């Protein structure tokens, strides 16, 4: 259990980094987080959501890495859990807010 949670956390960090660097590449600056536009925040969030959806679909489907508990609400057409999806809709904007707050 601890190993799986640790791996999931490392995966989330990786997704965050890929999202950050995607926006940095598009913006041609890694300083974008100082004054992020709505477009940059949207891309940061969207990249995380897309990667999460792909991993969740693969892990719970063809790869069979894990399965959700009965209590996990899922999206009917994709079969992915709502908690991981909502986490990636909420966490990127919060992360930007916290980082920006610390930089100012």
Protein backbone atom coordinates (compact mmCIF):
# COMPACT_ATOMS: atom_id res chain seq x y z
CA UNK A 1 0.00 0.00 0.00
CA UNK A 2 2.75 2.45 0.96
CA UNK A 3 4.71 1.58 -2.18
CA UNK A 4 1.70 2.19 -4.41
CA UNK A 5 0.91 5.54 -2.78
CA UNK A 6 4.55 6.59 -3.09
CA UNK A 7 4.59 5.65 -6.77
CA UNK A 8 1.35 7.56 -7.34
CA UNK A 9 2.84 10.63 -5.65
CA UNK A 10 5.99 10.41 -7.77
CA UNK A 11 3.75 10.08 -10.83
CA UNK A 12 1.80 13.20 -9.84
CA UNK A 13 5.05 15.13 -9.43
CA UNK A 14 6.09 13.94 -12.89
CA UNK A 15 2.79 15.06 -14.36
CA UNK A 16 3.20 18.47 -12.72
CA UNK A 17 6.68 18.84 -14.17
CA UNK A 18 5.57 17.85 -17.66
CA UNK A 19 2.69 20.34 -17.39
CA UNK A 20 5.01 23.12 -16.20
CA UNK A 21 7.60 22.50 -18.90
CA UNK A 22 4.93 22.28 -21.60
CA UNK A 23 3.71 25.76 -20.71
CA UNK A 24 7.32 26.97 -20.41
CA UNK A 25 8.09 25.65 -23.90
CA UNK A 26 4.98 27.25 -25.39
CA UNK A 27 5.68 30.52 -23.54
CA UNK A 28 9.41 30.32 -24.29
CA UNK A 29 10.06 31.16 -20.66
CA UNK A 30 10.11 29.25 -17.43
CA UNK A 31 9.22 32.49 -15.67
CA UNK A 32 5.62 32.29 -16.92
CA UNK A 33 4.41 31.43 -13.44
CA UNK A 34 5.24 34.96 -12.21
CA UNK A 35 2.38 36.46 -14.26
CA UNK A 36 0.41 33.52 -15.67
CA UNK A 37 -2.29 34.23 -18.21
CA UNK A 38 -5.57 32.34 -18.26
CA UNK A 39 -4.29 30.52 -21.34
CA UNK A 40 -1.16 29.37 -19.50
CA UNK A 41 -3.15 28.23 -16.47
CA UNK A 42 -5.55 26.40 -18.77
CA UNK A 43 -2.74 24.64 -20.62
CA UNK A 44 -1.04 23.75 -17.33
CA UNK A 45 -4.30 22.23 -16.10
CA UNK A 46 -5.25 20.57 -19.40
CA UNK A 47 -1.92 18.79 -19.81
CA UNK A 48 -2.28 17.34 -16.30
CA UNK A 49 -5.86 16.25 -16.95
CA UNK A 50 -5.01 14.61 -20.29
CA UNK A 51 -2.04 12.71 -18.86
CA UNK A 52 -4.11 11.61 -15.86
CA UNK A 53 -6.99 10.40 -18.04
CA UNK A 54 -4.61 8.41 -20.27
CA UNK A 55 -2.81 6.82 -17.30
CA UNK A 56 -6.04 6.04 -15.44
CA UNK A 57 -7.66 4.46 -18.51
CA UNK A 58 -4.58 2.34 -19.22
CA UNK A 59 -3.96 1.36 -15.58
CA UNK A 60 -7.54 0.35 -14.84
CA UNK A 61 -8.14 -1.11 -18.30
CA UNK A 62 -5.68 -2.96 -20.52
CA UNK A 63 -2.73 -2.91 -18.09
CA UNK A 64 -4.82 -3.96 -15.09
CA UNK A 65 -2.45 -2.24 -12.64
CA UNK A 66 -5.21 -1.34 -10.21
CA UNK A 67 -8.97 -1.21 -9.77
CA UNK A 68 -11.15 1.30 -8.01
CA UNK A 69 -13.00 0.51 -4.81
CA UNK A 70 -16.77 0.23 -5.03
CA UNK A 71 -17.07 3.58 -3.25
CA UNK A 72 -15.10 5.47 -5.95
CA UNK A 73 -17.44 7.36 -8.26
CA UNK A 74 -16.36 6.92 -11.88
CA UNK A 75 -17.12 8.48 -15.24
CA UNK A 76 -19.31 5.99 -17.07
CA UNK A 77 -17.85 6.47 -20.56
CA UNK A 78 -14.18 6.36 -19.51
CA UNK A 79 -14.41 4.36 -16.30
CA UNK A 80 -11.90 6.61 -14.53
CA UNK A 81 -12.30 7.80 -10.96
CA UNK A 82 -13.66 11.25 -10.30
CA UNK A 83 -11.19 11.92 -7.49
CA UNK A 84 -8.05 11.79 -9.70
CA UNK A 85 -9.82 13.83 -12.35
CA UNK A 86 -11.02 16.50 -9.90
CA UNK A 87 -7.59 16.57 -8.30
CA UNK A 88 -6.04 17.58 -11.63
CA UNK A 89 -8.73 20.16 -12.25
CA UNK A 90 -8.18 21.75 -8.83
CA UNK A 91 -4.49 21.31 -8.03
CA UNK A 92 -2.82 23.14 -10.96
CA UNK A 93 -4.57 26.48 -10.33
CA UNK A 94 -3.94 26.10 -6.58
CA UNK A 95 -0.29 25.25 -7.22
CA UNK A 96 0.15 28.34 -9.38
CA UNK A 97 -1.53 30.48 -6.73
CA UNK A 98 0.77 29.14 -3.98
CA UNK A 99 3.93 29.43 -6.09
CA UNK A 100 3.05 32.95 -7.21
CA UNK A 101 2.32 33.92 -3.61
CA UNK A 102 5.72 32.63 -2.49
CA UNK A 103 7.56 34.40 -5.31
CA UNK A 104 6.06 37.81 -4.62
